[in-house]
Amino acid sequence: METTPDGRRIPPPQADERAMLEAWLDFHRDTLALKCAGLNDRQLRLTSVAPSSMSLLGLVQHMAIVERNWFQRVFAGQDMPPLSEAGDADGFTLAPDRGIDEALSLWRTEIARSREATVAASLDDTGKLSGREADYLGGQVSLRWILVHMIEEYARHNGHADLIRESVDGTTGP
């Protein structure tokens, strides 16, 4: 598989649907990790612009929550405890004692669990929604829908990560 100069795997230009979706999701996962690379704890905690509390560390925490929600809770139907503190459903609030090593480890664990939950599944297999999600999406979503949504979620937040990283140390790029 070809890689970008920074080491991310380039999604194949020709592949079946499942391979294409998984490759793009992995590309965006790798992009978020790249945006955090080489920064110290203080830099990872810097927020974008007032009044936002979004930081690179917060984005990693948030995406661990999103991975758990869509793959374990919705798709696999598991009753999973929340990853964030009470009152911080999105994961952007930073705990003073939780640094990037812990956040990346948790996020990577959730990614591994996501892969385990879907490895034998068909793109047409569905997961059950509840609460607010069920109100606007109906009762179920396919794995295909979840994968596309996750690509969109990472792409959107990687755009945020681009801007935050540039404001932290001037680094720009893909």
N, C-alpha and C. Protein backbone atom coordinates (compact mmCIF):
# COMPACT_ATOMS: atom_id res chain seq x y z
N MET A 1 0.84 -1.17 0.00
CA MET A 1 0.00 0.00 0.00
C MET A 1 0.89 1.24 0.00
N GLU A 2 0.52 2.19 -0.80
CA GLU A 2 1.25 3.46 -0.89
C GLU A 2 0.99 4.31 0.34
N THR A 3 1.97 5.17 0.66
CA THR A 3 1.81 6.07 1.80
C THR A 3 2.13 7.50 1.40
N THR A 4 1.59 8.43 2.16
CA THR A 4 1.93 9.83 1.98
C THR A 4 3.33 10.07 2.54
N PRO A 5 3.96 11.20 2.23
CA PRO A 5 5.29 11.48 2.79
C PRO A 5 5.33 11.44 4.32
N ASP A 6 4.19 11.70 4.98
CA ASP A 6 4.16 11.68 6.44
C ASP A 6 3.82 10.30 7.00
N GLY A 7 3.67 9.29 6.12
CA GLY A 7 3.49 7.91 6.56
C GLY A 7 2.07 7.38 6.60
N ARG A 8 1.09 8.23 6.31
CA ARG A 8 -0.30 7.72 6.31
C ARG A 8 -0.55 6.86 5.08
N ARG A 9 -1.29 5.79 5.28
CA ARG A 9 -1.63 4.89 4.17
C ARG A 9 -2.66 5.56 3.26
N ILE A 10 -2.38 5.60 1.98
CA ILE A 10 -3.28 6.21 1.00
C ILE A 10 -4.37 5.19 0.66
N PRO A 11 -5.65 5.58 0.78
CA PRO A 11 -6.71 4.65 0.40
C PRO A 11 -6.56 4.25 -1.07
N PRO A 12 -6.83 2.98 -1.37
CA PRO A 12 -6.63 2.50 -2.74
C PRO A 12 -7.59 3.18 -3.71
N PRO A 13 -7.12 3.54 -4.90
CA PRO A 13 -8.00 4.18 -5.88
C PRO A 13 -9.00 3.21 -6.50
N GLN A 14 -8.72 1.93 -6.38
CA GLN A 14 -9.62 0.89 -6.89
C GLN A 14 -9.76 -0.18 -5.81
N ALA A 15 -10.97 -0.35 -5.29
CA ALA A 15 -11.21 -1.38 -4.26
C ALA A 15 -12.71 -1.60 -4.15
N ASP A 16 -13.08 -2.70 -3.50
CA ASP A 16 -14.51 -2.90 -3.26
C ASP A 16 -14.97 -1.91 -2.20
N GLU A 17 -16.28 -1.81 -2.05
CA GLU A 17 -16.86 -0.80 -1.17
C GLU A 17 -16.35 -0.91 0.27
N ARG A 18 -16.33 -2.09 0.82
CA ARG A 18 -15.91 -2.28 2.21
C ARG A 18 -14.45 -1.85 2.40
N ALA A 19 -13.59 -2.32 1.52
CA ALA A 19 -12.17 -1.96 1.62
C ALA A 19 -11.98 -0.45 1.48
N MET A 20 -12.73 0.18 0.60
CA MET A 20 -12.62 1.62 0.38
C MET A 20 -13.06 2.39 1.63
N LEU A 21 -14.21 2.02 2.19
CA LEU A 21 -14.71 2.70 3.38
C LEU A 21 -13.75 2.55 4.56
N GLU A 22 -13.28 1.34 4.78
CA GLU A 22 -12.36 1.10 5.90
C GLU A 22 -11.03 1.83 5.70
N ALA A 23 -10.54 1.87 4.47
CA ALA A 23 -9.28 2.56 4.19
C ALA A 23 -9.41 4.07 4.44
N TRP A 24 -10.52 4.67 4.01
CA TRP A 24 -10.71 6.09 4.24
C TRP A 24 -10.89 6.40 5.73
N LEU A 25 -11.58 5.52 6.44
CA LEU A 25 -11.72 5.73 7.88
C LEU A 25 -10.35 5.66 8.56
N ASP A 26 -9.55 4.67 8.19
CA ASP A 26 -8.20 4.55 8.77
C ASP A 26 -7.33 5.76 8.40
N PHE A 27 -7.45 6.26 7.18
CA PHE A 27 -6.70 7.43 6.76
C PHE A 27 -7.02 8.62 7.67
N HIS A 28 -8.30 8.81 7.95
CA HIS A 28 -8.68 9.94 8.81
C HIS A 28 -8.30 9.71 10.27
N ARG A 29 -8.33 8.47 10.72
CA ARG A 29 -7.83 8.18 12.07
C ARG A 29 -6.35 8.54 12.15
N ASP A 30 -5.58 8.12 11.15
CA ASP A 30 -4.14 8.41 11.12
C ASP A 30 -3.89 9.92 11.06
N THR A 31 -4.75 10.64 10.37
CA THR A 31 -4.59 12.09 10.25
C THR A 31 -4.74 12.76 11.61
N LEU A 32 -5.72 12.33 12.40
CA LEU A 32 -5.88 12.93 13.72
C LEU A 32 -4.64 12.68 14.58
N ALA A 33 -4.13 11.47 14.56
CA ALA A 33 -2.91 11.17 15.33
C ALA A 33 -1.75 12.03 14.85
N LEU A 34 -1.62 12.22 13.55
CA LEU A 34 -0.55 13.04 12.99
C LEU A 34 -0.65 14.48 13.47
N LYS A 35 -1.85 15.02 13.57
CA LYS A 35 -2.03 16.41 14.00
C LYS A 35 -1.57 16.61 15.44
N CYS A 36 -1.55 15.54 16.23
CA CYS A 36 -1.13 15.63 17.64
C CYS A 36 0.36 15.34 17.82
N ALA A 37 0.98 14.76 16.83
CA ALA A 37 2.37 14.29 16.96
C ALA A 37 3.34 15.45 17.19
N GLY A 38 4.27 15.22 18.11
CA GLY A 38 5.35 16.16 18.35
C GLY A 38 5.01 17.35 19.22
N LEU A 39 3.81 17.39 19.78
CA LEU A 39 3.43 18.50 20.63
C LEU A 39 3.51 18.09 22.10
N ASN A 40 3.78 19.06 22.96
CA ASN A 40 3.80 18.76 24.39
C ASN A 40 2.40 18.92 24.98
N ASP A 41 2.26 18.57 26.25
CA ASP A 41 0.96 18.59 26.91
C ASP A 41 0.32 19.97 26.87
N ARG A 42 1.07 20.99 27.11
CA ARG A 42 0.53 22.35 27.09
C ARG A 42 -0.02 22.69 25.71
N GLN A 43 0.73 22.36 24.66
CA GLN A 43 0.30 22.66 23.30
C GLN A 43 -0.96 21.88 22.92
N LEU A 44 -1.05 20.63 23.36
CA LEU A 44 -2.21 19.81 23.05
C LEU A 44 -3.48 20.29 23.74
N ARG A 45 -3.32 21.10 24.77
CA ARG A 45 -4.45 21.63 25.53
C ARG A 45 -4.89 23.01 25.06
N LEU A 46 -4.13 23.62 24.17
CA LEU A 46 -4.50 24.95 23.68
C LEU A 46 -5.80 24.84 22.87
N THR A 47 -6.69 25.80 23.12
CA THR A 47 -7.98 25.78 22.43
C THR A 47 -7.93 26.60 21.15
N SER A 48 -8.92 26.36 20.33
CA SER A 48 -8.96 27.01 19.03
C SER A 48 -9.22 28.51 19.17
N VAL A 49 -10.45 28.90 19.24
CA VAL A 49 -10.82 30.31 19.37
C VAL A 49 -11.95 30.41 20.38
N ALA A 50 -11.96 31.51 21.11
CA ALA A 50 -13.04 31.73 22.07
C ALA A 50 -14.37 31.81 21.32
N PRO A 51 -15.42 31.27 21.84
CA PRO A 51 -15.57 30.65 23.15
C PRO A 51 -15.39 29.13 23.13
N SER A 52 -14.87 28.58 22.06
CA SER A 52 -14.73 27.13 21.94
C SER A 52 -13.72 26.58 22.94
N SER A 53 -14.03 25.39 23.46
CA SER A 53 -13.09 24.70 24.35
C SER A 53 -12.37 23.58 23.61
N MET A 54 -12.50 23.55 22.28
CA MET A 54 -11.92 22.48 21.49
C MET A 54 -10.40 22.59 21.43
N SER A 55 -9.73 21.47 21.71
CA SER A 55 -8.28 21.36 21.65
C SER A 55 -7.94 20.05 20.95
N LEU A 56 -6.67 19.87 20.60
CA LEU A 56 -6.27 18.60 19.99
C LEU A 56 -6.47 17.44 20.95
N LEU A 57 -6.13 17.62 22.22
CA LEU A 57 -6.35 16.57 23.21
C LEU A 57 -7.85 16.29 23.35
N GLY A 58 -8.65 17.32 23.36
CA GLY A 58 -10.10 17.15 23.44
C GLY A 58 -10.66 16.42 22.23
N LEU A 59 -10.10 16.68 21.05
CA LEU A 59 -10.56 15.97 19.85
C LEU A 59 -10.29 14.47 19.95
N VAL A 60 -9.12 14.11 20.47
CA VAL A 60 -8.80 12.68 20.64
C VAL A 60 -9.79 12.05 21.62
N GLN A 61 -10.03 12.73 22.74
CA GLN A 61 -11.00 12.22 23.72
C GLN A 61 -12.39 12.08 23.09
N HIS A 62 -12.80 13.09 22.35
CA HIS A 62 -14.11 13.09 21.69
C HIS A 62 -14.23 11.91 20.73
N MET A 63 -13.20 11.68 19.93
CA MET A 63 -13.30 10.60 18.94
C MET A 63 -13.29 9.22 19.59
N ALA A 64 -12.70 9.07 20.76
CA ALA A 64 -12.81 7.81 21.49
C ALA A 64 -14.26 7.57 21.87
N ILE A 65 -14.94 8.62 22.31
CA ILE A 65 -16.36 8.53 22.67
C ILE A 65 -17.20 8.19 21.45
N VAL A 66 -16.91 8.84 20.34
CA VAL A 66 -17.66 8.62 19.11
C VAL A 66 -17.47 7.18 18.62
N GLU A 67 -16.23 6.69 18.63
CA GLU A 67 -15.96 5.29 18.25
C GLU A 67 -16.79 4.34 19.11
N ARG A 68 -16.73 4.54 20.42
CA ARG A 68 -17.48 3.65 21.33
C ARG A 68 -18.98 3.72 21.06
N ASN A 69 -19.48 4.92 20.89
CA ASN A 69 -20.91 5.09 20.68
C ASN A 69 -21.40 4.35 19.44
N TRP A 70 -20.78 4.61 18.30
CA TRP A 70 -21.31 4.07 17.06
C TRP A 70 -21.00 2.59 16.86
N PHE A 71 -19.84 2.13 17.24
CA PHE A 71 -19.50 0.74 16.98
C PHE A 71 -19.89 -0.21 18.11
N GLN A 72 -19.66 0.16 19.35
CA GLN A 72 -20.01 -0.75 20.44
C GLN A 72 -21.47 -0.62 20.86
N ARG A 73 -21.90 0.61 21.11
CA ARG A 73 -23.25 0.81 21.62
C ARG A 73 -24.31 0.60 20.53
N VAL A 74 -24.18 1.34 19.43
CA VAL A 74 -25.20 1.26 18.38
C VAL A 74 -25.07 -0.04 17.59
N PHE A 75 -23.92 -0.28 16.98
CA PHE A 75 -23.80 -1.43 16.08
C PHE A 75 -23.81 -2.77 16.82
N ALA A 76 -22.97 -2.90 17.85
CA ALA A 76 -22.87 -4.19 18.55
C ALA A 76 -23.92 -4.35 19.65
N GLY A 77 -24.64 -3.27 19.97
CA GLY A 77 -25.69 -3.36 20.97
C GLY A 77 -25.20 -3.58 22.39
N GLN A 78 -23.98 -3.18 22.67
CA GLN A 78 -23.42 -3.37 24.01
C GLN A 78 -23.77 -2.19 24.92
N ASP A 79 -24.01 -2.50 26.17
CA ASP A 79 -24.26 -1.46 27.16
C ASP A 79 -22.91 -1.03 27.71
N MET A 80 -22.37 0.04 27.18
CA MET A 80 -21.03 0.48 27.52
C MET A 80 -21.08 1.68 28.45
N PRO A 81 -20.23 1.70 29.47
CA PRO A 81 -20.19 2.89 30.34
C PRO A 81 -19.62 4.08 29.58
N PRO A 82 -19.98 5.28 29.99
CA PRO A 82 -19.45 6.46 29.30
C PRO A 82 -17.94 6.60 29.53
N LEU A 83 -17.28 7.20 28.57
CA LEU A 83 -15.84 7.45 28.68
C LEU A 83 -15.53 8.81 29.29
N SER A 84 -16.52 9.68 29.30
CA SER A 84 -16.27 11.03 29.77
C SER A 84 -16.87 11.23 31.16
N GLU A 85 -16.45 12.31 31.77
CA GLU A 85 -16.96 12.67 33.09
C GLU A 85 -18.42 13.10 32.97
N ALA A 86 -19.16 13.00 34.05
CA ALA A 86 -20.54 13.46 34.06
C ALA A 86 -20.60 14.91 33.62
N GLY A 87 -21.54 15.22 32.77
CA GLY A 87 -21.69 16.58 32.28
C GLY A 87 -20.78 16.92 31.12
N ASP A 88 -19.97 15.98 30.66
CA ASP A 88 -19.06 16.22 29.53
C ASP A 88 -19.31 15.16 28.47
N ALA A 89 -20.51 15.12 27.94
CA ALA A 89 -20.89 14.07 27.00
C ALA A 89 -20.05 14.06 25.74
N ASP A 90 -19.51 15.20 25.33
CA ASP A 90 -18.75 15.24 24.08
C ASP A 90 -17.26 14.93 24.26
N GLY A 91 -16.75 14.99 25.49
CA GLY A 91 -15.35 14.65 25.75
C GLY A 91 -14.36 15.76 25.58
N PHE A 92 -14.80 16.96 25.31
CA PHE A 92 -13.87 18.06 25.06
C PHE A 92 -13.27 18.66 26.33
N THR A 93 -13.92 18.44 27.47
CA THR A 93 -13.40 18.99 28.72
C THR A 93 -12.15 18.21 29.12
N LEU A 94 -11.10 18.94 29.48
CA LEU A 94 -9.82 18.32 29.77
C LEU A 94 -9.60 18.18 31.28
N ALA A 95 -9.23 16.99 31.69
CA ALA A 95 -8.85 16.75 33.08
C ALA A 95 -7.37 17.09 33.22
N PRO A 96 -6.99 17.78 34.29
CA PRO A 96 -5.59 18.18 34.45
C PRO A 96 -4.61 17.01 34.48
N ASP A 97 -5.05 15.86 34.96
CA ASP A 97 -4.15 14.72 35.11
C ASP A 97 -4.21 13.73 33.95
N ARG A 98 -5.01 14.00 32.94
CA ARG A 98 -5.13 13.09 31.79
C ARG A 98 -4.40 13.72 30.61
N GLY A 99 -3.31 13.10 30.20
CA GLY A 99 -2.51 13.62 29.10
C GLY A 99 -2.72 12.86 27.81
N ILE A 100 -1.93 13.19 26.83
CA ILE A 100 -2.09 12.62 25.49
C ILE A 100 -1.81 11.12 25.46
N ASP A 101 -0.85 10.63 26.24
CA ASP A 101 -0.57 9.19 26.21
C ASP A 101 -1.80 8.39 26.62
N GLU A 102 -2.44 8.81 27.70
CA GLU A 102 -3.65 8.11 28.16
C GLU A 102 -4.78 8.27 27.15
N ALA A 103 -4.97 9.47 26.63
CA ALA A 103 -6.04 9.71 25.66
C ALA A 103 -5.84 8.91 24.38
N LEU A 104 -4.60 8.89 23.86
CA LEU A 104 -4.32 8.11 22.66
C LEU A 104 -4.50 6.61 22.90
N SER A 105 -4.09 6.14 24.06
CA SER A 105 -4.25 4.72 24.39
C SER A 105 -5.72 4.34 24.43
N LEU A 106 -6.52 5.15 25.08
CA LEU A 106 -7.97 4.88 25.15
C LEU A 106 -8.58 4.93 23.75
N TRP A 107 -8.22 5.94 22.97
CA TRP A 107 -8.75 6.08 21.62
C TRP A 107 -8.37 4.87 20.76
N ARG A 108 -7.11 4.46 20.83
CA ARG A 108 -6.67 3.30 20.04
C ARG A 108 -7.35 2.01 20.50
N THR A 109 -7.62 1.89 21.79
CA THR A 109 -8.37 0.73 22.30
C THR A 109 -9.77 0.73 21.71
N GLU A 110 -10.40 1.89 21.65
CA GLU A 110 -11.75 1.97 21.08
C GLU A 110 -11.73 1.66 19.59
N ILE A 111 -10.70 2.09 18.88
CA ILE A 111 -10.59 1.75 17.46
C ILE A 111 -10.46 0.24 17.29
N ALA A 112 -9.65 -0.41 18.10
CA ALA A 112 -9.50 -1.87 18.03
C ALA A 112 -10.83 -2.56 18.32
N ARG A 113 -11.56 -2.07 19.30
CA ARG A 113 -12.88 -2.64 19.60
C ARG A 113 -13.85 -2.42 18.44
N SER A 114 -13.75 -1.26 17.80
CA SER A 114 -14.60 -0.98 16.64
C SER A 114 -14.34 -2.00 15.54
N ARG A 115 -13.09 -2.27 15.28
CA ARG A 115 -12.73 -3.26 14.25
C ARG A 115 -13.24 -4.65 14.63
N GLU A 116 -13.08 -5.02 15.89
CA GLU A 116 -13.57 -6.33 16.36
C GLU A 116 -15.07 -6.45 16.19
N ALA A 117 -15.80 -5.39 16.48
CA ALA A 117 -17.26 -5.41 16.41
C ALA A 117 -17.78 -5.55 14.98
N THR A 118 -16.95 -5.20 14.00
CA THR A 118 -17.44 -5.17 12.62
C THR A 118 -16.76 -6.16 11.68
N VAL A 119 -15.73 -6.84 12.14
CA VAL A 119 -14.92 -7.67 11.26
C VAL A 119 -15.73 -8.71 10.49
N ALA A 120 -16.68 -9.33 11.12
CA ALA A 120 -17.46 -10.39 10.46
C ALA A 120 -18.81 -9.89 9.95
N ALA A 121 -19.06 -8.62 10.05
CA ALA A 121 -20.36 -8.06 9.68
C ALA A 121 -20.42 -7.68 8.21
N SER A 122 -21.63 -7.70 7.70
CA SER A 122 -21.92 -7.21 6.36
C SER A 122 -22.19 -5.72 6.44
N LEU A 123 -21.94 -5.00 5.36
CA LEU A 123 -22.27 -3.57 5.32
C LEU A 123 -23.76 -3.33 5.50
N ASP A 124 -24.56 -4.34 5.22
CA ASP A 124 -26.02 -4.22 5.36
C ASP A 124 -26.52 -4.58 6.75
N ASP A 125 -25.66 -5.15 7.61
CA ASP A 125 -26.07 -5.44 8.99
C ASP A 125 -26.38 -4.12 9.68
N THR A 126 -27.32 -4.16 10.62
CA THR A 126 -27.77 -2.93 11.25
C THR A 126 -27.52 -2.92 12.75
N GLY A 127 -27.48 -1.72 13.26
CA GLY A 127 -27.41 -1.48 14.69
C GLY A 127 -28.63 -0.70 15.11
N LYS A 128 -28.96 -0.80 16.37
CA LYS A 128 -30.17 -0.18 16.90
C LYS A 128 -29.86 1.16 17.54
N LEU A 129 -30.64 2.14 17.16
CA LEU A 129 -30.50 3.48 17.71
C LEU A 129 -31.43 3.66 18.91
N SER A 130 -31.08 4.61 19.74
CA SER A 130 -31.95 4.94 20.87
C SER A 130 -31.88 6.44 21.10
N GLY A 131 -32.77 6.90 21.92
CA GLY A 131 -32.76 8.31 22.32
C GLY A 131 -32.88 9.27 21.16
N ARG A 132 -32.11 10.33 21.24
CA ARG A 132 -32.16 11.42 20.27
C ARG A 132 -31.86 10.94 18.85
N GLU A 133 -30.88 10.01 18.72
CA GLU A 133 -30.52 9.49 17.39
C GLU A 133 -31.71 8.80 16.74
N ALA A 134 -32.45 8.01 17.50
CA ALA A 134 -33.61 7.31 16.96
C ALA A 134 -34.69 8.29 16.53
N ASP A 135 -34.79 9.42 17.21
CA ASP A 135 -35.81 10.41 16.87
C ASP A 135 -35.63 10.97 15.47
N TYR A 136 -34.39 11.18 15.05
CA TYR A 136 -34.21 11.77 13.73
C TYR A 136 -33.71 10.81 12.67
N LEU A 137 -33.27 9.62 13.05
CA LEU A 137 -32.79 8.65 12.06
C LEU A 137 -33.67 7.41 11.94
N GLY A 138 -34.63 7.26 12.83
CA GLY A 138 -35.42 6.04 12.84
C GLY A 138 -34.78 5.02 13.77
N GLY A 139 -35.17 3.78 13.66
CA GLY A 139 -34.75 2.77 14.63
C GLY A 139 -33.42 2.12 14.38
N GLN A 140 -32.95 2.07 13.13
CA GLN A 140 -31.73 1.32 12.83
C GLN A 140 -30.90 2.02 11.76
N VAL A 141 -29.60 1.74 11.79
CA VAL A 141 -28.69 2.20 10.74
C VAL A 141 -27.79 1.04 10.35
N SER A 142 -27.40 1.02 9.09
CA SER A 142 -26.53 -0.05 8.60
C SER A 142 -25.07 0.25 8.96
N LEU A 143 -24.26 -0.79 8.93
CA LEU A 143 -22.82 -0.60 9.11
C LEU A 143 -22.29 0.34 8.04
N ARG A 144 -22.80 0.25 6.84
CA ARG A 144 -22.38 1.15 5.76
C ARG A 144 -22.61 2.60 6.19
N TRP A 145 -23.79 2.89 6.73
CA TRP A 145 -24.12 4.25 7.18
C TRP A 145 -23.15 4.68 8.28
N ILE A 146 -22.88 3.80 9.22
CA ILE A 146 -21.97 4.13 10.32
C ILE A 146 -20.58 4.44 9.80
N LEU A 147 -20.06 3.63 8.88
CA LEU A 147 -18.73 3.88 8.33
C LEU A 147 -18.66 5.22 7.60
N VAL A 148 -19.68 5.52 6.79
CA VAL A 148 -19.71 6.81 6.09
C VAL A 148 -19.79 7.95 7.11
N HIS A 149 -20.64 7.79 8.12
CA HIS A 149 -20.75 8.81 9.16
C HIS A 149 -19.43 9.01 9.88
N MET A 150 -18.73 7.94 10.20
CA MET A 150 -17.45 8.06 10.90
C MET A 150 -16.40 8.77 10.04
N ILE A 151 -16.39 8.49 8.74
CA ILE A 151 -15.47 9.20 7.84
C ILE A 151 -15.79 10.69 7.87
N GLU A 152 -17.06 11.01 7.81
CA GLU A 152 -17.50 12.41 7.87
C GLU A 152 -17.12 13.05 9.20
N GLU A 153 -17.33 12.33 10.29
CA GLU A 153 -17.02 12.86 11.62
C GLU A 153 -15.52 13.16 11.75
N TYR A 154 -14.69 12.21 11.34
CA TYR A 154 -13.24 12.44 11.40
C TYR A 154 -12.83 13.57 10.46
N ALA A 155 -13.36 13.59 9.24
CA ALA A 155 -12.96 14.63 8.29
C ALA A 155 -13.29 16.01 8.83
N ARG A 156 -14.47 16.16 9.40
CA ARG A 156 -14.87 17.45 9.97
C ARG A 156 -13.92 17.86 11.10
N HIS A 157 -13.66 16.93 12.02
CA HIS A 157 -12.80 17.26 13.14
C HIS A 157 -11.33 17.38 12.74
N ASN A 158 -10.91 16.70 11.69
CA ASN A 158 -9.55 16.89 11.20
C ASN A 158 -9.38 18.30 10.63
N GLY A 159 -10.45 18.86 10.08
CA GLY A 159 -10.41 20.26 9.67
C GLY A 159 -10.19 21.17 10.86
N HIS A 160 -10.90 20.87 11.96
CA HIS A 160 -10.67 21.63 13.19
C HIS A 160 -9.22 21.46 13.65
N ALA A 161 -8.75 20.21 13.61
CA ALA A 161 -7.38 19.91 14.05
C ALA A 161 -6.35 20.67 13.21
N ASP A 162 -6.60 20.80 11.91
CA ASP A 162 -5.70 21.58 11.05
C ASP A 162 -5.55 23.01 11.57
N LEU A 163 -6.68 23.63 11.87
CA LEU A 163 -6.65 25.02 12.32
C LEU A 163 -6.02 25.16 13.70
N ILE A 164 -6.34 24.22 14.59
CA ILE A 164 -5.75 24.27 15.93
C ILE A 164 -4.24 24.09 15.84
N ARG A 165 -3.80 23.09 15.07
CA ARG A 165 -2.35 22.83 14.95
C ARG A 165 -1.64 24.04 14.37
N GLU A 166 -2.21 24.66 13.37
CA GLU A 166 -1.58 25.84 12.78
C GLU A 166 -1.47 26.96 13.81
N SER A 167 -2.49 27.13 14.65
CA SER A 167 -2.43 28.19 15.66
C SER A 167 -1.44 27.87 16.77
N VAL A 168 -1.17 26.57 17.00
CA VAL A 168 -0.24 26.15 18.06
C VAL A 168 1.21 26.39 17.64
N ASP A 169 1.59 25.90 16.45
CA ASP A 169 3.01 25.98 16.08
C ASP A 169 3.26 26.33 14.61
N GLY A 170 2.21 26.71 13.90
CA GLY A 170 2.37 27.10 12.51
C GLY A 170 2.39 25.96 11.51
N THR A 171 2.30 24.72 11.98
CA THR A 171 2.33 23.57 11.09
C THR A 171 1.05 23.51 10.28
N THR A 172 1.19 23.41 8.97
CA THR A 172 0.04 23.27 8.08
C THR A 172 0.25 22.01 7.24
N GLY A 173 -0.77 21.62 6.57
CA GLY A 173 -0.65 20.48 5.67
C GLY A 173 -1.75 19.48 5.87
N PRO A 174 -1.69 18.42 5.08
CA PRO A 174 -2.78 17.44 5.08
C PRO A 174 -2.91 16.71 6.39
